[in-house]
Amino acid sequence: MVLDSFVKKEFPSKKEIILAVNHKNKIAQHVYKKGGSVDKGIRVIGRKEELFILHKEL
């Protein structure tokens, strides 16, 4: 995944990517999960709606 390569190059000490995805954005959730991100059940309220917090180990 391009994001993984970018983070590894620009932030070599980081071991995880954390993403906030709108709960209604099923396509983005699917794409990130297919790319290896994991939903650990963490939720936050954004400016307008609930966000799912996804994690990906590098």
C-alpha atoms as a PDB file:
ATOM      1  CA  MET A   1       0.000   0.000   0.000  1.00  0.00           C
ATOM      2  CA  VAL A   2       1.301   3.451  -0.911  1.00  0.00           C
ATOM      3  CA  LEU A   3       0.460   4.913   2.498  1.00  0.00           C
ATOM      4  CA  ASP A   4       2.587   2.274   4.252  1.00  0.00           C
ATOM      5  CA  SER A   5       5.603   3.054   2.064  1.00  0.00           C
ATOM      6  CA  PHE A   6       5.207   6.794   2.605  1.00  0.00           C
ATOM      7  CA  VAL A   7       4.954   6.505   6.400  1.00  0.00           C
ATOM      8  CA  LYS A   8       7.900   4.084   6.618  1.00  0.00           C
ATOM      9  CA  LYS A   9      10.065   6.445   4.543  1.00  0.00           C
ATOM     10  CA  GLU A  10       9.048   9.763   6.086  1.00  0.00           C
ATOM     11  CA  PHE A  11       8.477   8.580   9.675  1.00  0.00           C
ATOM     12  CA  PRO A  12      10.776   5.564  10.138  1.00  0.00           C
ATOM     13  CA  SER A  13      10.332   5.415  13.922  1.00  0.00           C
ATOM     14  CA  LYS A  14       6.543   4.983  13.663  1.00  0.00           C
ATOM     15  CA  LYS A  15       5.175   1.471  14.037  1.00  0.00           C
ATOM     16  CA  GLU A  16       1.459   2.066  13.444  1.00  0.00           C
ATOM     17  CA  ILE A  17      -0.911   4.070  11.254  1.00  0.00           C
ATOM     18  CA  ILE A  18      -4.146   5.241  12.893  1.00  0.00           C
ATOM     19  CA  LEU A  19      -7.043   6.380  10.715  1.00  0.00           C
ATOM     20  CA  ALA A  20     -10.404   7.947  11.534  1.00  0.00           C
ATOM     21  CA  VAL A  21     -13.120   6.884   9.085  1.00  0.00           C
ATOM     22  CA  ASN A  22     -16.692   8.179   9.009  1.00  0.00           C
ATOM     23  CA  HIS A  23     -19.069   5.445  10.148  1.00  0.00           C
ATOM     24  CA  LYS A  24     -21.219   5.935   7.030  1.00  0.00           C
ATOM     25  CA  ASN A  25     -18.277   5.569   4.636  1.00  0.00           C
ATOM     26  CA  LYS A  26     -18.551   1.815   4.076  1.00  0.00           C
ATOM     27  CA  ILE A  27     -16.351   1.900   0.965  1.00  0.00           C
ATOM     28  CA  ALA A  28     -13.419   3.514   2.807  1.00  0.00           C
ATOM     29  CA  GLN A  29     -13.826   1.084   5.712  1.00  0.00           C
ATOM     30  CA  HIS A  30     -13.706  -1.835   3.281  1.00  0.00           C
ATOM     31  CA  VAL A  31     -10.646  -0.511   1.425  1.00  0.00           C
ATOM     32  CA  TYR A  32      -8.662   0.178   4.609  1.00  0.00           C
ATOM     33  CA  LYS A  33      -9.584  -3.189   6.140  1.00  0.00           C
ATOM     34  CA  LYS A  34      -8.654  -4.989   2.924  1.00  0.00           C
ATOM     35  CA  GLY A  35      -5.308  -3.181   3.131  1.00  0.00           C
ATOM     36  CA  GLY A  36      -4.690  -4.568   6.609  1.00  0.00           C
ATOM     37  CA  SER A  37      -6.216  -1.985   8.937  1.00  0.00           C
ATOM     38  CA  VAL A  38      -8.038  -3.367  11.968  1.00  0.00           C
ATOM     39  CA  ASP A  39     -11.145  -2.048  13.703  1.00  0.00           C
ATOM     40  CA  LYS A  40     -10.462  -2.450  17.439  1.00  0.00           C
ATOM     41  CA  GLY A  41     -13.894  -1.089  18.353  1.00  0.00           C
ATOM     42  CA  ILE A  42     -12.763   2.444  19.224  1.00  0.00           C
ATOM     43  CA  ARG A  43     -15.265   5.162  18.312  1.00  0.00           C
ATOM     44  CA  VAL A  44     -15.117   8.941  18.640  1.00  0.00           C
ATOM     45  CA  ILE A  45     -17.508  11.723  17.749  1.00  0.00           C
ATOM     46  CA  GLY A  46     -16.202  13.973  14.983  1.00  0.00           C
ATOM     47  CA  ARG A  47     -17.481  17.419  14.094  1.00  0.00           C
ATOM     48  CA  LYS A  48     -20.639  15.963  12.611  1.00  0.00           C
ATOM     49  CA  GLU A  49     -20.747  12.207  13.070  1.00  0.00           C
ATOM     50  CA  GLU A  50     -19.270   9.113  14.653  1.00  0.00           C
ATOM     51  CA  LEU A  51     -15.836   8.017  13.445  1.00  0.00           C
ATOM     52  CA  PHE A  52     -14.350   4.521  13.493  1.00  0.00           C
ATOM     53  CA  ILE A  53     -10.682   4.446  14.505  1.00  0.00           C
ATOM     54  CA  LEU A  54      -8.724   1.924  12.440  1.00  0.00           C
ATOM     55  CA  HIS A  55      -5.180   0.724  13.231  1.00  0.00           C
ATOM     56  CA  LYS A  56      -2.505  -0.740  10.988  1.00  0.00           C
ATOM     57  CA  GLU A  57       0.800  -2.110  12.215  1.00  0.00           C
ATOM     58  CA  LEU A  58       3.798  -1.274  10.033  1.00  0.00           C
END
